[in-house]
Amino acid sequence: MTPADGALPAAGVVPAVAASRGRRRPDGPLAGRRILVLGGPHPAVARAREQITSLGGSAAVAAFLLDEYDRVRGAEDFVFYNQPAGGGVELGIDGGAEQSIRIDLADLPGRCVRVRVVAALSGDATFGAVGPVQVQAVPRVGQPFARATLDAATTERTMLLADVYRRGASWRLRVVGQGYGHGLAWLATTYGVRVDD
C-alpha cells in the first residue's frame, strides 16, 4: 500500500476520523462525501483533528505512537483506557458509549512518524459478529467529509482502523482495515509495549 499524493500540513491538528458500527447507508447523512479507499491516503485540513470513534458495544479505541521501525519508545506511547493521554494524543469518552482518539501533530514526539489508531473487543467477541465498522473523516467543526466501510472481518478481535503518518514534511491519513484474532495486549506487545500479566 504505497502512499500517493495528497498530504497533511506539517503542523496543526489532523482531521478527525470516526469509526462506528452499523450498515452502510448511501442515502444517509454522509451521502455525497468522498469514499476513502483502504490503503489510500487522504489529504487533511489544517487546524482540524484526527478522531476515531466507537459507538456502543464493547469495542475500545487505542493508539500507538510509532517510530520508523513501527516501535514505541515505551508504555508512554500507548494511549488507551488506562492511560488516556500522551505525546499529543488523547483518548476522549463521550457519554460512555463513544470513544475517540484526538491527535495534535504539533505536540507529537519528534521520533514519532506514525500514529496507529486501533479498535479492540473484549473477551471472545469478534468484529465479524459486531458487523461493519464505519470510518469517517471529521473536521474540528462540522460534519464528516469522507468515509470508509470496514466490513470484511470474521474472527478478528482487534482491528487497525487508520494511520496518521509523516512523509517528508507533511502528514497523511490512511484507512487500514487490517484485523487480527488476538486481543489488545497481544497487539501492544508487537509494537514493543511491555504488558503486565
Protein backbone atom coordinates (compact mmCIF):
# COMPACT_ATOMS: atom_id res chain seq x y z
CA MET A 1 0.00 0.00 0.00
CA THR A 2 2.16 2.82 -1.30
CA PRO A 3 1.10 6.36 -0.35
CA ALA A 4 0.03 8.53 -3.24
CA ASP A 5 -0.13 12.29 -3.42
CA GLY A 6 -2.26 14.26 -1.00
CA ALA A 7 -0.59 15.47 2.16
CA LEU A 8 -1.46 16.93 5.50
CA PRO A 9 0.01 20.20 6.75
CA ALA A 10 3.17 19.70 8.82
CA ALA A 11 1.61 21.49 11.79
CA GLY A 12 -1.81 21.84 13.33
CA VAL A 13 -4.21 19.10 14.31
CA VAL A 14 -5.30 16.45 11.85
CA PRO A 15 -8.90 15.95 10.60
CA ALA A 16 -10.97 13.56 12.61
CA VAL A 17 -11.81 10.01 11.68
CA ALA A 18 -14.77 8.36 13.33
CA ALA A 19 -15.47 4.64 13.35
CA SER A 20 -18.88 3.31 14.26
CA ARG A 21 -20.74 0.05 13.90
CA GLY A 22 -23.62 -0.39 11.51
CA ARG A 23 -24.63 -1.00 7.93
CA ARG A 24 -23.62 1.23 5.09
CA ARG A 25 -26.28 3.79 4.20
CA PRO A 26 -25.58 5.54 0.86
CA ASP A 27 -28.63 7.73 1.41
CA GLY A 28 -27.64 8.70 4.96
CA PRO A 29 -26.02 11.88 6.29
CA LEU A 30 -22.71 11.06 4.57
CA ALA A 31 -24.20 10.74 1.10
CA GLY A 32 -22.07 12.63 -1.41
CA ARG A 33 -18.94 12.60 0.73
CA ARG A 34 -15.72 11.14 -0.62
CA ILE A 35 -15.34 7.38 -0.08
CA LEU A 36 -11.96 6.51 1.43
CA VAL A 37 -10.16 3.59 -0.22
CA LEU A 38 -8.34 1.11 2.01
CA GLY A 39 -4.61 1.81 1.87
CA GLY A 40 -5.05 5.11 0.06
CA PRO A 41 -4.02 8.46 1.59
CA HIS A 42 -6.39 11.33 2.16
CA PRO A 43 -5.40 15.00 2.47
CA ALA A 44 -6.25 16.75 5.71
CA VAL A 45 -7.46 20.17 6.66
CA ALA A 46 -5.29 22.43 8.79
CA ARG A 47 -6.48 23.14 12.33
CA ALA A 48 -8.69 20.05 12.38
CA ARG A 49 -8.37 16.92 14.47
CA GLU A 50 -7.96 13.22 13.93
CA GLN A 51 -10.62 11.24 15.74
CA ILE A 52 -11.57 7.57 15.77
CA THR A 53 -14.89 6.97 17.47
CA SER A 54 -16.52 3.70 18.51
CA LEU A 55 -20.24 3.89 19.24
CA GLY A 56 -21.76 1.37 21.64
CA GLY A 57 -20.81 -2.24 22.22
CA SER A 58 -17.60 -3.35 23.88
CA ALA A 59 -15.11 -2.01 21.32
CA ALA A 60 -12.28 0.03 22.85
CA VAL A 61 -10.23 2.53 20.86
CA ALA A 62 -6.48 2.95 21.39
CA ALA A 63 -3.46 4.48 19.66
CA PHE A 64 0.26 3.75 19.33
CA LEU A 65 2.89 6.44 18.67
CA LEU A 66 5.38 4.62 16.44
CA ASP A 67 8.86 5.34 15.12
CA GLU A 68 10.22 4.43 11.68
CA TYR A 69 10.52 0.80 12.79
CA ASP A 70 6.90 0.63 13.98
CA ARG A 71 8.03 0.55 17.62
CA VAL A 72 7.08 2.61 20.66
CA ARG A 73 9.61 4.21 23.00
CA GLY A 74 7.80 2.68 25.93
CA ALA A 75 4.44 2.47 27.65
CA GLU A 76 4.05 6.25 27.38
CA ASP A 77 3.45 5.83 23.63
CA PHE A 78 0.41 3.59 24.19
CA VAL A 79 -2.79 5.61 24.65
CA PHE A 80 -5.79 3.61 25.86
CA TYR A 81 -8.38 3.47 28.65
CA ASN A 82 -5.78 3.08 31.43
CA GLN A 83 -3.56 5.85 30.00
CA PRO A 84 -5.84 8.27 28.18
CA ALA A 85 -3.29 10.86 27.04
CA GLY A 86 0.32 11.21 25.99
CA GLY A 87 2.55 12.87 23.41
CA GLY A 88 -0.12 14.91 21.65
CA VAL A 89 -2.62 12.03 21.53
CA GLU A 90 -5.71 11.88 23.71
CA LEU A 91 -8.50 9.38 24.29
CA GLY A 92 -11.87 11.05 24.63
CA ILE A 93 -15.01 9.47 26.06
CA ASP A 94 -18.44 10.95 25.38
CA GLY A 95 -21.23 9.52 27.49
CA GLY A 96 -19.55 6.14 27.96
CA ALA A 97 -20.74 4.73 24.62
CA GLU A 98 -18.49 6.81 22.37
CA GLN A 99 -14.69 6.83 22.43
CA SER A 100 -12.37 8.87 20.24
CA ILE A 101 -8.67 9.42 19.61
CA ARG A 102 -7.57 13.03 19.01
CA ILE A 103 -4.14 13.80 17.59
CA ASP A 104 -2.32 17.15 17.72
CA LEU A 105 0.51 16.94 15.19
CA ALA A 106 2.42 19.85 16.72
CA ASP A 107 2.70 18.01 20.05
CA LEU A 108 3.84 14.61 18.74
CA PRO A 109 7.35 13.48 19.80
CA GLY A 110 10.00 14.17 17.15
CA ARG A 111 10.74 10.48 16.60
CA CYS A 112 7.07 9.67 16.01
CA VAL A 113 6.41 9.11 12.30
CA ARG A 114 3.11 7.26 12.63
CA VAL A 115 0.10 7.25 14.93
CA ARG A 116 -1.74 3.97 14.52
CA VAL A 117 -5.33 4.00 15.72
CA VAL A 118 -6.89 0.64 16.55
CA ALA A 119 -10.09 -0.84 17.95
CA ALA A 120 -10.30 -3.92 20.16
CA LEU A 121 -13.10 -6.07 21.53
CA SER A 122 -13.14 -7.59 24.98
CA GLY A 123 -13.43 -11.28 25.80
CA ASP A 124 -14.17 -13.60 22.89
CA ALA A 125 -16.17 -11.07 20.87
CA THR A 126 -15.24 -10.71 17.19
CA PHE A 127 -15.70 -7.97 14.62
CA GLY A 128 -17.45 -10.50 12.40
CA ALA A 129 -20.25 -10.63 14.96
CA VAL A 130 -20.16 -6.88 15.53
CA GLY A 131 -20.78 -6.07 11.87
CA PRO A 132 -19.39 -3.37 9.54
CA VAL A 133 -17.27 -0.57 11.00
CA GLN A 134 -17.72 2.89 9.53
CA VAL A 135 -14.60 5.07 9.43
CA GLN A 136 -15.28 8.76 8.92
CA ALA A 137 -13.07 11.81 8.44
CA VAL A 138 -14.37 14.71 10.52
CA PRO A 139 -13.08 18.30 10.71
CA ARG A 140 -12.74 20.11 14.03
CA VAL A 141 -16.05 21.86 13.37
CA GLY A 142 -18.66 20.46 11.04
CA GLN A 143 -19.89 17.19 9.60
CA PRO A 144 -17.84 14.19 8.35
CA PHE A 145 -16.46 14.81 4.87
CA ALA A 146 -15.20 11.32 3.96
CA ARG A 147 -15.81 7.74 4.99
CA ALA A 148 -14.85 4.08 4.55
CA THR A 149 -16.67 0.88 5.47
CA LEU A 150 -14.66 -1.96 7.03
CA ASP A 151 -16.93 -4.96 6.51
CA ALA A 152 -14.70 -7.95 5.74
CA ALA A 153 -13.97 -9.01 9.33
CA THR A 154 -14.70 -12.54 10.54
CA THR A 155 -12.86 -13.83 13.63
CA GLU A 156 -10.79 -10.69 14.30
CA ARG A 157 -10.69 -9.31 17.86
CA THR A 158 -8.51 -6.28 17.11
CA MET A 159 -8.53 -4.05 14.04
CA LEU A 160 -6.15 -1.41 12.69
CA LEU A 161 -8.51 1.42 11.80
CA ALA A 162 -6.31 4.22 10.48
CA ASP A 163 -2.78 5.59 10.31
CA VAL A 164 -1.71 9.21 10.52
CA TYR A 165 1.82 9.11 9.16
CA ARG A 166 4.59 11.52 8.24
CA ARG A 167 6.14 11.62 4.80
CA GLY A 168 8.80 14.26 4.43
CA ALA A 169 7.49 17.49 5.93
CA SER A 170 3.82 16.53 5.55
CA TRP A 171 1.32 14.27 7.29
CA ARG A 172 -1.23 11.98 5.70
CA LEU A 173 -4.22 9.91 6.72
CA ARG A 174 -4.79 6.33 5.58
CA VAL A 175 -7.56 3.87 6.41
CA VAL A 176 -6.08 0.41 7.11
CA GLY A 177 -8.76 -2.17 7.98
CA GLN A 178 -6.35 -4.97 8.95
CA GLY A 179 -7.65 -7.32 11.66
CA TYR A 180 -6.14 -9.93 13.98
CA GLY A 181 -7.55 -12.79 16.01
CA HIS A 182 -5.77 -11.64 19.17
CA GLY A 183 -6.56 -9.13 21.90
CA LEU A 184 -5.25 -5.63 22.52
CA ALA A 185 -2.49 -6.81 24.88
CA TRP A 186 -1.04 -9.03 22.14
CA LEU A 187 -1.14 -6.17 19.64
CA ALA A 188 0.59 -3.85 22.11
CA THR A 189 3.50 -6.28 22.54
CA THR A 190 4.07 -6.38 18.78
CA TYR A 191 4.86 -2.66 18.94
CA GLY A 192 7.21 -3.02 21.91
CA VAL A 193 4.89 -2.28 24.83
CA ARG A 194 5.62 -4.36 27.93
CA VAL A 195 2.30 -5.70 29.19
CA ASP A 196 2.00 -6.91 32.79
CA ASP A 197 0.49 -10.37 33.21
